[in-house]
């Protein structure tokens, strides 16, 4: 069963390689979707795949790459959009 989540990460998460690290993690988990920087300084992810893999991605978001300083991670279920791959927007 496939599920989809939107995830917003706040803290020092831009300019630290968060998006590219998120792509590597999501691809390793077999997830599809995208990651992008928001103008407010947060990072936004839409990911879809098996629920247990999505939860692993959410847990990873609390750490991010070594130079990130994550303050908060929020996520909610969204409709599945059947993305073809996971990439940066």
PDB file of N, CA and C in Angstrom:
ATOM      1  N   UNK A   1       0.840  -1.196   0.000  1.00  0.00           N
ATOM      2  CA  UNK A   1       0.000   0.000   0.000  1.00  0.00           C
ATOM      3  C   UNK A   1       0.877   1.248   0.000  1.00  0.00           C
ATOM      4  N   UNK A   2       0.542   2.188  -0.864  1.00  0.00           N
ATOM      5  CA  UNK A   2       1.307   3.414  -0.976  1.00  0.00           C
ATOM      6  C   UNK A   2       0.605   4.527  -0.214  1.00  0.00           C
ATOM      7  N   UNK A   3       1.408   5.359   0.430  1.00  0.00           N
ATOM      8  CA  UNK A   3       0.920   6.507   1.183  1.00  0.00           C
ATOM      9  C   UNK A   3       1.753   7.702   0.757  1.00  0.00           C
ATOM     10  N   UNK A   4       1.255   8.913   1.009  1.00  0.00           N
ATOM     11  CA  UNK A   4       2.018  10.117   0.685  1.00  0.00           C
ATOM     12  C   UNK A   4       1.982  11.084   1.861  1.00  0.00           C
ATOM     13  N   UNK A   5       3.105  11.773   2.063  1.00  0.00           N
ATOM     14  CA  UNK A   5       3.219  12.757   3.130  1.00  0.00           C
ATOM     15  C   UNK A   5       3.795  14.054   2.594  1.00  0.00           C
ATOM     16  N   UNK A   6       3.364  15.160   3.188  1.00  0.00           N
ATOM     17  CA  UNK A   6       4.082  16.417   3.036  1.00  0.00           C
ATOM     18  C   UNK A   6       4.823  16.632   4.348  1.00  0.00           C
ATOM     19  N   UNK A   7       6.072  17.057   4.244  1.00  0.00           N
ATOM     20  CA  UNK A   7       6.931  17.235   5.408  1.00  0.00           C
ATOM     21  C   UNK A   7       7.559  18.624   5.320  1.00  0.00           C
ATOM     22  N   UNK A   8       7.502  19.377   6.412  1.00  0.00           N
ATOM     23  CA  UNK A   8       8.140  20.687   6.474  1.00  0.00           C
ATOM     24  C   UNK A   8       9.161  20.671   7.603  1.00  0.00           C
ATOM     25  N   UNK A   9      10.391  21.068   7.273  1.00  0.00           N
ATOM     26  CA  UNK A   9      11.484  21.045   8.231  1.00  0.00           C
ATOM     27  C   UNK A   9      11.959  22.476   8.450  1.00  0.00           C
ATOM     28  N   UNK A  10      12.066  22.872   9.738  1.00  0.00           N
ATOM     29  CA  UNK A  10      12.531  24.223  10.040  1.00  0.00           C
ATOM     30  C   UNK A  10      13.778  24.171  10.901  1.00  0.00           C
ATOM     31  N   UNK A  11      14.497  25.280  10.925  1.00  0.00           N
ATOM     32  CA  UNK A  11      15.765  25.396  11.634  1.00  0.00           C
ATOM     33  C   UNK A  11      16.805  25.888  10.650  1.00  0.00           C
ATOM     34  N   UNK A  12      18.064  25.528  10.888  1.00  0.00           N
ATOM     35  CA  UNK A  12      19.107  25.864   9.911  1.00  0.00           C
ATOM     36  C   UNK A  12      19.167  24.715   8.922  1.00  0.00           C
ATOM     37  N   UNK A  13      18.314  24.799   7.898  1.00  0.00           N
ATOM     38  CA  UNK A  13      18.155  23.682   6.962  1.00  0.00           C
ATOM     39  C   UNK A  13      18.391  24.088   5.506  1.00  0.00           C
ATOM     40  N   UNK A  14      18.675  25.362   5.272  1.00  0.00           N
ATOM     41  CA  UNK A  14      19.021  25.788   3.913  1.00  0.00           C
ATOM     42  C   UNK A  14      20.498  26.143   3.879  1.00  0.00           C
ATOM     43  N   UNK A  15      21.148  25.833   2.750  1.00  0.00           N
ATOM     44  CA  UNK A  15      22.563  26.116   2.598  1.00  0.00           C
ATOM     45  C   UNK A  15      23.457  25.108   3.311  1.00  0.00           C
ATOM     46  N   UNK A  16      22.893  23.965   3.690  1.00  0.00           N
ATOM     47  CA  UNK A  16      23.660  22.940   4.408  1.00  0.00           C
ATOM     48  C   UNK A  16      23.601  21.580   3.708  1.00  0.00           C
ATOM     49  N   UNK A  17      23.104  21.556   2.469  1.00  0.00           N
ATOM     50  CA  UNK A  17      23.021  20.306   1.717  1.00  0.00           C
ATOM     51  C   UNK A  17      21.818  19.447   2.069  1.00  0.00           C
ATOM     52  N   UNK A  18      20.811  20.057   2.709  1.00  0.00           N
ATOM     53  CA  UNK A  18      19.657  19.270   3.155  1.00  0.00           C
ATOM     54  C   UNK A  18      18.909  18.651   1.984  1.00  0.00           C
ATOM     55  N   UNK A  19      18.664  19.434   0.933  1.00  0.00           N
ATOM     56  CA  UNK A  19      17.886  18.899  -0.193  1.00  0.00           C
ATOM     57  C   UNK A  19      18.574  17.711  -0.844  1.00  0.00           C
ATOM     58  N   UNK A  20      19.870  17.819  -1.074  1.00  0.00           N
ATOM     59  CA  UNK A  20      20.561  16.735  -1.771  1.00  0.00           C
ATOM     60  C   UNK A  20      20.702  15.511  -0.869  1.00  0.00           C
ATOM     61  N   UNK A  21      20.879  15.725   0.424  1.00  0.00           N
ATOM     62  CA  UNK A  21      20.899  14.602   1.354  1.00  0.00           C
ATOM     63  C   UNK A  21      19.533  13.934   1.413  1.00  0.00           C
ATOM     64  N   UNK A  22      18.468  14.736   1.351  1.00  0.00           N
ATOM     65  CA  UNK A  22      17.103  14.190   1.374  1.00  0.00           C
ATOM     66  C   UNK A  22      16.834  13.352   0.126  1.00  0.00           C
ATOM     67  N   UNK A  23      17.337  13.799  -1.014  1.00  0.00           N
ATOM     68  CA  UNK A  23      17.183  13.018  -2.248  1.00  0.00           C
ATOM     69  C   UNK A  23      17.857  11.657  -2.079  1.00  0.00           C
ATOM     70  N   UNK A  24      19.085  11.652  -1.564  1.00  0.00           N
ATOM     71  CA  UNK A  24      19.807  10.388  -1.377  1.00  0.00           C
ATOM     72  C   UNK A  24      19.051   9.466  -0.428  1.00  0.00           C
ATOM     73  N   UNK A  25      18.551  10.008   0.685  1.00  0.00           N
ATOM     74  CA  UNK A  25      17.834   9.192   1.665  1.00  0.00           C
ATOM     75  C   UNK A  25      16.545   8.648   1.063  1.00  0.00           C
ATOM     76  N   UNK A  26      15.769   9.517   0.406  1.00  0.00           N
ATOM     77  CA  UNK A  26      14.494   9.096  -0.179  1.00  0.00           C
ATOM     78  C   UNK A  26      14.706   8.029  -1.257  1.00  0.00           C
ATOM     79  N   UNK A  27      15.711   8.220  -2.095  1.00  0.00           N
ATOM     80  CA  UNK A  27      15.981   7.233  -3.138  1.00  0.00           C
ATOM     81  C   UNK A  27      16.411   5.902  -2.522  1.00  0.00           C
ATOM     82  N   UNK A  28      17.205   5.953  -1.455  1.00  0.00           N
ATOM     83  CA  UNK A  28      17.632   4.722  -0.780  1.00  0.00           C
ATOM     84  C   UNK A  28      16.435   3.978  -0.187  1.00  0.00           C
ATOM     85  N   UNK A  29      15.403   4.738   0.202  1.00  0.00           N
ATOM     86  CA  UNK A  29      14.195   4.144   0.772  1.00  0.00           C
ATOM     87  C   UNK A  29      13.165   3.759  -0.299  1.00  0.00           C
ATOM     88  N   UNK A  30      13.476   4.046  -1.567  1.00  0.00           N
ATOM     89  CA  UNK A  30      12.554   3.714  -2.656  1.00  0.00           C
ATOM     90  C   UNK A  30      11.350   4.629  -2.731  1.00  0.00           C
ATOM     91  N   UNK A  31      11.501   5.870  -2.242  1.00  0.00           N
ATOM     92  CA  UNK A  31      10.380   6.817  -2.246  1.00  0.00           C
ATOM     93  C   UNK A  31      10.422   7.679  -3.496  1.00  0.00           C
ATOM     94  N   UNK A  32       9.274   8.223  -3.853  1.00  0.00           N
ATOM     95  CA  UNK A  32       9.151   9.132  -4.991  1.00  0.00           C
ATOM     96  C   UNK A  32       8.610  10.462  -4.483  1.00  0.00           C
ATOM     97  N   UNK A  33       8.900  11.551  -5.216  1.00  0.00           N
ATOM     98  CA  UNK A  33       8.397  12.865  -4.835  1.00  0.00           C
ATOM     99  C   UNK A  33       9.437  13.933  -5.105  1.00  0.00           C
ATOM    100  N   UNK A  34       9.492  14.944  -4.223  1.00  0.00           N
ATOM    101  CA  UNK A  34      10.442  16.038  -4.418  1.00  0.00           C
ATOM    102  C   UNK A  34      10.748  16.724  -3.096  1.00  0.00           C
ATOM    103  N   UNK A  35      11.822  17.512  -3.130  1.00  0.00           N
ATOM    104  CA  UNK A  35      12.211  18.362  -2.013  1.00  0.00           C
ATOM    105  C   UNK A  35      12.538  19.736  -2.581  1.00  0.00           C
ATOM    106  N   UNK A  36      12.209  20.787  -1.825  1.00  0.00           N
ATOM    107  CA  UNK A  36      12.513  22.141  -2.282  1.00  0.00           C
ATOM    108  C   UNK A  36      12.705  23.058  -1.078  1.00  0.00           C
ATOM    109  N   UNK A  37      13.400  24.173  -1.320  1.00  0.00           N
ATOM    110  CA  UNK A  37      13.517  25.226  -0.319  1.00  0.00           C
ATOM    111  C   UNK A  37      12.305  26.129  -0.419  1.00  0.00           C
ATOM    112  N   UNK A  38      11.771  26.538   0.722  1.00  0.00           N
ATOM    113  CA  UNK A  38      10.706  27.543   0.764  1.00  0.00           C
ATOM    114  C   UNK A  38      11.304  28.908   1.058  1.00  0.00           C
ATOM    115  N   UNK A  39      10.611  29.952   0.654  1.00  0.00           N
ATOM    116  CA  UNK A  39      11.105  31.315   0.876  1.00  0.00           C
ATOM    117  C   UNK A  39      11.230  31.668   2.347  1.00  0.00           C
ATOM    118  N   UNK A  40      10.467  30.996   3.207  1.00  0.00           N
ATOM    119  CA  UNK A  40      10.513  31.305   4.643  1.00  0.00           C
ATOM    120  C   UNK A  40      11.675  30.627   5.363  1.00  0.00           C
ATOM    121  N   UNK A  41      12.561  29.964   4.616  1.00  0.00           N
ATOM    122  CA  UNK A  41      13.732  29.336   5.216  1.00  0.00           C
ATOM    123  C   UNK A  41      13.543  27.874   5.584  1.00  0.00           C
ATOM    124  N   UNK A  42      12.341  27.345   5.364  1.00  0.00           N
ATOM    125  CA  UNK A  42      12.094  25.935   5.642  1.00  0.00           C
ATOM    126  C   UNK A  42      12.394  25.092   4.404  1.00  0.00           C
ATOM    127  N   UNK A  43      12.464  23.782   4.608  1.00  0.00           N
ATOM    128  CA  UNK A  43      12.573  22.825   3.513  1.00  0.00           C
ATOM    129  C   UNK A  43      11.266  22.051   3.466  1.00  0.00           C
ATOM    130  N   UNK A  44      10.751  21.841   2.250  1.00  0.00           N
ATOM    131  CA  UNK A  44       9.474  21.154   2.052  1.00  0.00           C
ATOM    132  C   UNK A  44       9.710  19.892   1.237  1.00  0.00           C
ATOM    133  N   UNK A  45       9.113  18.796   1.690  1.00  0.00           N
ATOM    134  CA  UNK A  45       9.221  17.514   1.001  1.00  0.00           C
ATOM    135  C   UNK A  45       7.827  16.956   0.747  1.00  0.00           C
ATOM    136  N   UNK A  46       7.599  16.444  -0.447  1.00  0.00           N
ATOM    137  CA  UNK A  46       6.459  15.577  -0.707  1.00  0.00           C
ATOM    138  C   UNK A  46       7.043  14.230  -1.086  1.00  0.00           C
ATOM    139  N   UNK A  47       6.633  13.198  -0.359  1.00  0.00           N
ATOM    140  CA  UNK A  47       7.179  11.865  -0.605  1.00  0.00           C
ATOM    141  C   UNK A  47       6.057  10.844  -0.567  1.00  0.00           C
ATOM    142  N   UNK A  48       6.190   9.808  -1.390  1.00  0.00           N
ATOM    143  CA  UNK A  48       5.200   8.732  -1.396  1.00  0.00           C
ATOM    144  C   UNK A  48       5.889   7.394  -1.536  1.00  0.00           C
ATOM    145  N   UNK A  49       5.265   6.397  -0.900  1.00  0.00           N
ATOM    146  CA  UNK A  49       5.810   5.057  -0.911  1.00  0.00           C
ATOM    147  C   UNK A  49       5.225   4.267   0.250  1.00  0.00           C
ATOM    148  N   UNK A  50       5.864   3.174   0.632  1.00  0.00           N
ATOM    149  CA  UNK A  50       5.371   2.367   1.755  1.00  0.00           C
ATOM    150  C   UNK A  50       5.386   3.186   3.055  1.00  0.00           C
ATOM    151  N   UNK A  51       4.330   3.068   3.871  1.00  0.00           N
ATOM    152  CA  UNK A  51       4.239   3.869   5.100  1.00  0.00           C
ATOM    153  C   UNK A  51       5.454   3.750   6.018  1.00  0.00           C
ATOM    154  N   UNK A  52       6.026   2.544   6.145  1.00  0.00           N
ATOM    155  CA  UNK A  52       7.174   2.395   7.043  1.00  0.00           C
ATOM    156  C   UNK A  52       8.398   3.137   6.512  1.00  0.00           C
ATOM    157  N   UNK A  53       8.546   3.219   5.188  1.00  0.00           N
ATOM    158  CA  UNK A  53       9.665   3.956   4.596  1.00  0.00           C
ATOM    159  C   UNK A  53       9.455   5.460   4.766  1.00  0.00           C
ATOM    160  N   UNK A  54       8.211   5.908   4.666  1.00  0.00           N
ATOM    161  CA  UNK A  54       7.916   7.329   4.896  1.00  0.00           C
ATOM    162  C   UNK A  54       8.239   7.712   6.333  1.00  0.00           C
ATOM    163  N   UNK A  55       7.894   6.841   7.277  1.00  0.00           N
ATOM    164  CA  UNK A  55       8.197   7.137   8.685  1.00  0.00           C
ATOM    165  C   UNK A  55       9.703   7.190   8.915  1.00  0.00           C
ATOM    166  N   UNK A  56      10.448   6.347   8.216  1.00  0.00           N
ATOM    167  CA  UNK A  56      11.905   6.397   8.334  1.00  0.00           C
ATOM    168  C   UNK A  56      12.448   7.716   7.795  1.00  0.00           C
ATOM    169  N   UNK A  57      11.855   8.219   6.701  1.00  0.00           N
ATOM    170  CA  UNK A  57      12.265   9.518   6.157  1.00  0.00           C
ATOM    171  C   UNK A  57      11.957  10.636   7.153  1.00  0.00           C
ATOM    172  N   UNK A  58      10.773  10.595   7.764  1.00  0.00           N
ATOM    173  CA  UNK A  58      10.411  11.614   8.760  1.00  0.00           C
ATOM    174  C   UNK A  58      11.424  11.605   9.905  1.00  0.00           C
ATOM    175  N   UNK A  59      11.775  10.423  10.388  1.00  0.00           N
ATOM    176  CA  UNK A  59      12.775  10.327  11.464  1.00  0.00           C
ATOM    177  C   UNK A  59      14.116  10.896  11.017  1.00  0.00           C
ATOM    178  N   UNK A  60      14.521  10.598   9.774  1.00  0.00           N
ATOM    179  CA  UNK A  60      15.777  11.131   9.244  1.00  0.00           C
ATOM    180  C   UNK A  60      15.744  12.654   9.198  1.00  0.00           C
ATOM    181  N   UNK A  61      14.584  13.225   8.875  1.00  0.00           N
ATOM    182  CA  UNK A  61      14.461  14.687   8.772  1.00  0.00           C
ATOM    183  C   UNK A  61      14.798  15.391  10.077  1.00  0.00           C
ATOM    184  N   UNK A  62      14.601  14.720  11.208  1.00  0.00           N
ATOM    185  CA  UNK A  62      14.948  15.319  12.504  1.00  0.00           C
ATOM    186  C   UNK A  62      16.463  15.491  12.650  1.00  0.00           C
ATOM    187  N   UNK A  63      17.244  14.744  11.865  1.00  0.00           N
ATOM    188  CA  UNK A  63      18.713  14.868  11.895  1.00  0.00           C
ATOM    189  C   UNK A  63      19.206  15.657  10.691  1.00  0.00           C
ATOM    190  N   UNK A  64      18.838  15.193   9.498  1.00  0.00           N
ATOM    191  CA  UNK A  64      19.328  15.818   8.274  1.00  0.00           C
ATOM    192  C   UNK A  64      20.820  15.599   8.118  1.00  0.00           C
ATOM    193  N   UNK A  65      21.452  16.371   7.227  1.00  0.00           N
ATOM    194  CA  UNK A  65      22.898  16.249   7.042  1.00  0.00           C
ATOM    195  C   UNK A  65      23.630  16.821   8.269  1.00  0.00           C
ATOM    196  N   UNK A  66      24.930  16.511   8.404  1.00  0.00           N
ATOM    197  CA  UNK A  66      25.668  16.890   9.617  1.00  0.00           C
ATOM    198  C   UNK A  66      25.628  18.374   9.973  1.00  0.00           C
ATOM    199  N   UNK A  67      25.647  19.279   8.985  1.00  0.00           N
ATOM    200  CA  UNK A  67      25.699  20.714   9.313  1.00  0.00           C
ATOM    201  C   UNK A  67      24.320  21.340   9.540  1.00  0.00           C
ATOM    202  N   UNK A  68      23.252  20.573   9.372  1.00  0.00           N
ATOM    203  CA  UNK A  68      21.902  21.098   9.623  1.00  0.00           C
ATOM    204  C   UNK A  68      21.641  21.173  11.132  1.00  0.00           C
ATOM    205  N   UNK A  69      20.789  22.105  11.520  1.00  0.00           N
ATOM    206  CA  UNK A  69      20.317  22.204  12.905  1.00  0.00           C
ATOM    207  C   UNK A  69      18.794  22.246  12.856  1.00  0.00           C
ATOM    208  N   UNK A  70      18.179  21.083  12.920  1.00  0.00           N
ATOM    209  CA  UNK A  70      16.733  20.965  12.772  1.00  0.00           C
ATOM    210  C   UNK A  70      16.054  21.374  14.075  1.00  0.00           C
ATOM    211  N   UNK A  71      15.069  22.276  13.969  1.00  0.00           N
ATOM    212  CA  UNK A  71      14.302  22.708  15.138  1.00  0.00           C
ATOM    213  C   UNK A  71      12.939  22.040  15.206  1.00  0.00           C
ATOM    214  N   UNK A  72      12.332  21.813  14.039  1.00  0.00           N
ATOM    215  CA  UNK A  72      10.992  21.223  14.037  1.00  0.00           C
ATOM    216  C   UNK A  72      10.735  20.498  12.722  1.00  0.00           C
ATOM    217  N   UNK A  73       9.987  19.411  12.801  1.00  0.00           N
ATOM    218  CA  UNK A  73       9.544  18.658  11.622  1.00  0.00           C
ATOM    219  C   UNK A  73       8.044  18.428  11.779  1.00  0.00           C
ATOM    220  N   UNK A  74       7.275  18.868  10.799  1.00  0.00           N
ATOM    221  CA  UNK A  74       5.841  18.567  10.809  1.00  0.00           C
ATOM    222  C   UNK A  74       5.518  17.792   9.537  1.00  0.00           C
ATOM    223  N   UNK A  75       4.529  16.910   9.644  1.00  0.00           N
ATOM    224  CA  UNK A  75       4.135  16.141   8.460  1.00  0.00           C
ATOM    225  C   UNK A  75       2.651  15.837   8.528  1.00  0.00           C
ATOM    226  N   UNK A  76       2.077  15.655   7.350  1.00  0.00           N
ATOM    227  CA  UNK A  76       0.667  15.273   7.257  1.00  0.00           C
ATOM    228  C   UNK A  76       0.467  14.443   6.008  1.00  0.00           C
ATOM    229  N   UNK A  77      -0.561  13.604   6.052  1.00  0.00           N
ATOM    230  CA  UNK A  77      -0.872  12.759   4.906  1.00  0.00           C
ATOM    231  C   UNK A  77      -1.509  13.611   3.812  1.00  0.00           C
ATOM    232  N   UNK A  78      -1.136  13.334   2.574  1.00  0.00           N
ATOM    233  CA  UNK A  78      -1.675  14.027   1.403  1.00  0.00           C
ATOM    234  C   UNK A  78      -2.050  12.968   0.365  1.00  0.00           C
ATOM    235  N   UNK A  79      -2.802  13.367  -0.669  1.00  0.00           N
ATOM    236  CA  UNK A  79      -3.152  12.393  -1.723  1.00  0.00           C
ATOM    237  C   UNK A  79      -1.908  11.924  -2.489  1.00  0.00           C
ATOM    238  N   UNK A  80      -1.895  10.669  -2.888  1.00  0.00           N
ATOM    239  CA  UNK A  80      -0.816  10.110  -3.699  1.00  0.00           C
ATOM    240  C   UNK A  80      -0.898  10.717  -5.094  1.00  0.00           C
ATOM    241  N   UNK A  81       0.254  11.157  -5.621  1.00  0.00           N
ATOM    242  CA  UNK A  81       0.288  11.784  -6.945  1.00  0.00           C
ATOM    243  C   UNK A  81       1.035  10.934  -7.980  1.00  0.00           C
ATOM    244  N   UNK A  82       1.555   9.795  -7.566  1.00  0.00           N
ATOM    245  CA  UNK A  82       2.274   8.891  -8.472  1.00  0.00           C
ATOM    246  C   UNK A  82       3.453   9.573  -9.179  1.00  0.00           C
ATOM    247  N   UNK A  83       4.344  10.149  -8.392  1.00  0.00           N
ATOM    248  CA  UNK A  83       5.563  10.715  -8.955  1.00  0.00           C
ATOM    249  C   UNK A  83       6.405   9.608  -9.578  1.00  0.00           C
ATOM    250  N   UNK A  84       7.172   9.964 -10.605  1.00  0.00           N
ATOM    251  CA  UNK A  84       7.998   8.994 -11.320  1.00  0.00           C
ATOM    252  C   UNK A  84       9.333   8.759 -10.617  1.00  0.00           C
ATOM    253  N   UNK A  85       9.823   9.759  -9.866  1.00  0.00           N
ATOM    254  CA  UNK A  85      11.133   9.662  -9.217  1.00  0.00           C
ATOM    255  C   UNK A  85      11.162  10.631  -8.049  1.00  0.00           C
ATOM    256  N   UNK A  86      12.302  10.712  -7.370  1.00  0.00           N
ATOM    257  CA  UNK A  86      12.472  11.693  -6.300  1.00  0.00           C
ATOM    258  C   UNK A  86      13.583  12.645  -6.711  1.00  0.00           C
ATOM    259  N   UNK A  87      13.289  13.950  -6.677  1.00  0.00           N
ATOM    260  CA  UNK A  87      14.288  14.934  -7.106  1.00  0.00           C
ATOM    261  C   UNK A  87      14.114  16.260  -6.390  1.00  0.00           C
ATOM    262  N   UNK A  88      14.953  17.215  -6.787  1.00  0.00           N
ATOM    263  CA  UNK A  88      14.930  18.570  -6.240  1.00  0.00           C
ATOM    264  C   UNK A  88      14.098  19.446  -7.153  1.00  0.00           C
ATOM    265  N   UNK A  89      13.244  20.277  -6.563  1.00  0.00           N
ATOM    266  CA  UNK A  89      12.485  21.255  -7.354  1.00  0.00           C
ATOM    267  C   UNK A  89      13.095  22.620  -7.164  1.00  0.00           C
TER     268      UNK A  89
END
